[in-house]
C-alpha atoms as a PDB file:
ATOM      1  CA  MET A   1      17.522  -2.652   0.475  1.00  0.00           C
ATOM      2  CA  PRO A   2      14.448  -1.012  -1.341  1.00  0.00           C
ATOM      3  CA  VAL A   3      14.667  -0.647  -5.277  1.00  0.00           C
ATOM      4  CA  ARG A   4      12.834   2.954  -6.026  1.00  0.00           C
ATOM      5  CA  SER A   5      11.170   2.961  -9.457  1.00  0.00           C
ATOM      6  CA  ALA A   6      11.046   5.795 -11.078  1.00  0.00           C
ATOM      7  CA  ARG A   7       8.238   5.356 -13.246  1.00  0.00           C
ATOM      8  CA  THR A   8       5.893   4.273 -10.463  1.00  0.00           C
ATOM      9  CA  GLY A   9       7.129   5.590  -7.321  1.00  0.00           C
ATOM     10  CA  ILE A  10       6.886   2.104  -5.863  1.00  0.00           C
ATOM     11  CA  VAL A  11       9.397   0.994  -3.375  1.00  0.00           C
ATOM     12  CA  HIS A  12      10.081  -3.361  -3.975  1.00  0.00           C
ATOM     13  CA  THR A  13      11.285  -4.639  -0.260  1.00  0.00           C
ATOM     14  CA  LYS A  14      11.697  -8.099   0.378  1.00  0.00           C
ATOM     15  CA  HIS A  15      12.455 -10.062   3.862  1.00  0.00           C
ATOM     16  CA  LYS A  16      11.636 -12.924   6.145  1.00  0.00           C
ATOM     17  CA  ASN A  17       9.132 -12.278   9.109  1.00  0.00           C
ATOM     18  CA  GLY A  18       9.516 -15.312  11.234  1.00  0.00           C
ATOM     19  CA  GLY A  19      10.139 -17.370   8.167  1.00  0.00           C
ATOM     20  CA  ILE A  20       7.428 -16.028   6.343  1.00  0.00           C
ATOM     21  CA  HIS A  21       8.006 -13.853   3.183  1.00  0.00           C
ATOM     22  CA  MET A  22       6.903 -10.564   2.786  1.00  0.00           C
ATOM     23  CA  ASP A  23       7.072  -8.084   0.029  1.00  0.00           C
ATOM     24  CA  LYS A  24       5.979  -4.415   0.399  1.00  0.00           C
ATOM     25  CA  LYS A  25       5.360  -1.646  -2.213  1.00  0.00           C
ATOM     26  CA  SER A  26       4.823   1.548  -1.025  1.00  0.00           C
ATOM     27  CA  THR A  27       4.185   4.499  -3.080  1.00  0.00           C
ATOM     28  CA  ILE A  28       3.891   8.559  -2.474  1.00  0.00           C
ATOM     29  CA  PHE A  29       0.549  10.600  -4.022  1.00  0.00           C
ATOM     30  CA  THR A  30      -1.508  13.219  -4.003  1.00  0.00           C
ATOM     31  CA  ALA A  31      -5.293  12.676  -2.569  1.00  0.00           C
ATOM     32  CA  THR A  32      -7.214  15.678  -3.588  1.00  0.00           C
ATOM     33  CA  HIS A  33     -10.601  14.288  -3.165  1.00  0.00           C
ATOM     34  CA  GLY A  34     -10.052  12.210  -0.064  1.00  0.00           C
ATOM     35  CA  VAL A  35      -9.006   8.398   0.918  1.00  0.00           C
ATOM     36  CA  MET A  36     -11.324   6.844   3.699  1.00  0.00           C
ATOM     37  CA  THR A  37      -9.443   4.670   6.403  1.00  0.00           C
ATOM     38  CA  SER A  38     -11.395   2.682   9.008  1.00  0.00           C
ATOM     39  CA  GLU A  39      -9.756   5.087  11.935  1.00  0.00           C
ATOM     40  CA  VAL A  40     -10.494   8.263  11.372  1.00  0.00           C
ATOM     41  CA  GLY A  41     -12.736   8.363   8.221  1.00  0.00           C
ATOM     42  CA  VAL A  42     -11.085  10.497   4.772  1.00  0.00           C
ATOM     43  CA  ILE A  43      -7.900  12.340   4.499  1.00  0.00           C
ATOM     44  CA  SER A  44      -6.365  13.604   1.776  1.00  0.00           C
ATOM     45  CA  GLY A  45      -3.298  15.811   0.818  1.00  0.00           C
ATOM     46  CA  GLU A  46       0.515  14.262   0.214  1.00  0.00           C
ATOM     47  CA  LEU A  47      -0.427  10.110   1.519  1.00  0.00           C
ATOM     48  CA  GLU A  48       1.842   7.073   1.385  1.00  0.00           C
ATOM     49  CA  LEU A  49       0.370   3.731   0.424  1.00  0.00           C
ATOM     50  CA  VAL A  50       1.781   0.843   1.512  1.00  0.00           C
ATOM     51  CA  THR A  51       0.391  -2.872   0.614  1.00  0.00           C
ATOM     52  CA  THR A  52       2.527  -5.969   2.242  1.00  0.00           C
ATOM     53  CA  CYS A  53       1.911  -9.576   0.658  1.00  0.00           C
ATOM     54  CA  ASP A  54       3.162 -12.919   2.442  1.00  0.00           C
ATOM     55  CA  ASP A  55       3.412 -15.827   0.980  1.00  0.00           C
ATOM     56  CA  ASP A  56       0.000 -17.409   1.293  1.00  0.00           C
ATOM     57  CA  GLY A  57      -1.186 -14.439  -0.765  1.00  0.00           C
ATOM     58  CA  VAL A  58      -3.042 -12.402   2.504  1.00  0.00           C
ATOM     59  CA  LEU A  59      -2.870  -8.619   1.750  1.00  0.00           C
ATOM     60  CA  THR A  60      -2.681  -5.906   3.978  1.00  0.00           C
ATOM     61  CA  LEU A  61      -2.982  -2.027   2.815  1.00  0.00           C
ATOM     62  CA  ALA A  62      -2.073   0.944   4.912  1.00  0.00           C
ATOM     63  CA  ILE A  63      -1.880   4.670   4.147  1.00  0.00           C
ATOM     64  CA  THR A  64      -0.018   7.363   5.870  1.00  0.00           C
ATOM     65  CA  TYR A  65       0.070  11.561   5.496  1.00  0.00           C
ATOM     66  CA  VAL A  66       3.940  11.746   4.299  1.00  0.00           C
ATOM     67  CA  GLY A  67       6.648  12.158   7.550  1.00  0.00           C
ATOM     68  CA  ALA A  68       3.111  11.272   9.842  1.00  0.00           C
ATOM     69  CA  GLU A  69       3.688   8.293  12.334  1.00  0.00           C
ATOM     70  CA  GLU A  70       0.358   7.255  12.463  1.00  0.00           C
ATOM     71  CA  TRP A  71      -0.788   4.957  10.032  1.00  0.00           C
ATOM     72  CA  TYR A  72      -4.681   4.020   9.195  1.00  0.00           C
ATOM     73  CA  SER A  73      -6.103   1.148   7.061  1.00  0.00           C
ATOM     74  CA  LEU A  74      -8.328   1.520   4.204  1.00  0.00           C
ATOM     75  CA  PRO A  75     -12.151   0.218   5.073  1.00  0.00           C
ATOM     76  CA  GLY A  76     -12.684  -3.686   3.989  1.00  0.00           C
ATOM     77  CA  VAL A  77     -12.166  -7.521   5.394  1.00  0.00           C
ATOM     78  CA  GLU A  78      -8.929  -9.565   4.421  1.00  0.00           C
ATOM     79  CA  TYR A  79      -7.652  -8.861   1.497  1.00  0.00           C
ATOM     80  CA  ARG A  80      -6.138 -12.214  -0.054  1.00  0.00           C
ATOM     81  CA  LEU A  81      -4.484 -12.554  -3.947  1.00  0.00           C
ATOM     82  CA  HIS A  82      -4.642 -15.779  -5.801  1.00  0.00           C
ATOM     83  CA  ASP A  83      -1.255 -15.245  -6.776  1.00  0.00           C
ATOM     84  CA  VAL A  84       1.354 -13.520  -5.135  1.00  0.00           C
ATOM     85  CA  ARG A  85       2.729 -11.913  -8.455  1.00  0.00           C
ATOM     86  CA  ASP A  86       0.076 -10.328  -8.410  1.00  0.00           C
ATOM     87  CA  HIS A  87       0.738  -7.691  -6.025  1.00  0.00           C
ATOM     88  CA  GLU A  88       2.305  -5.532  -7.989  1.00  0.00           C
ATOM     89  CA  VAL A  89      -0.218  -4.699 -10.415  1.00  0.00           C
ATOM     90  CA  VAL A  90      -2.888  -4.739  -7.358  1.00  0.00           C
ATOM     91  CA  HIS A  91      -0.760  -2.567  -5.375  1.00  0.00           C
ATOM     92  CA  GLY A  92      -0.377  -0.291  -9.164  1.00  0.00           C
ATOM     93  CA  MET A  93      -4.068   0.056  -9.117  1.00  0.00           C
ATOM     94  CA  LEU A  94      -5.025   0.530  -5.941  1.00  0.00           C
ATOM     95  CA  ALA A  95      -2.553   4.121  -5.875  1.00  0.00           C
ATOM     96  CA  ALA A  96      -3.885   5.620  -9.332  1.00  0.00           C
ATOM     97  CA  VAL A  97      -7.396   4.680  -7.543  1.00  0.00           C
ATOM     98  CA  LEU A  98      -6.822   6.435  -5.113  1.00  0.00           C
ATOM     99  CA  GLU A  99      -4.759   9.367  -6.449  1.00  0.00           C
ATOM    100  CA  ARG A 100      -7.672  10.104  -9.171  1.00  0.00           C
ATOM    101  CA  PRO A 101      -9.247  13.692  -9.547  1.00  0.00           C
END
């Protein structure tokens, strides 16, 4: 079951996908300046950022309008953490950068 941190708004979920451990974090924020996506360009407003990290440190970044079904990716090549324990810190930093005015 997801656990929401009241201070950060991050939702933590851990599950196994075909034997691979996945850690998923979610934050809802308002982007007044917009966020660039690979698929549709800049989106803004109330957005949800989801990052998923597997056991090998591969980090997947996805963003959507709150309540929408379509998910978009952030530009860039494969993202990889050297230490999977850094996932929460990287997620929080990314959400803070995307939300800043």
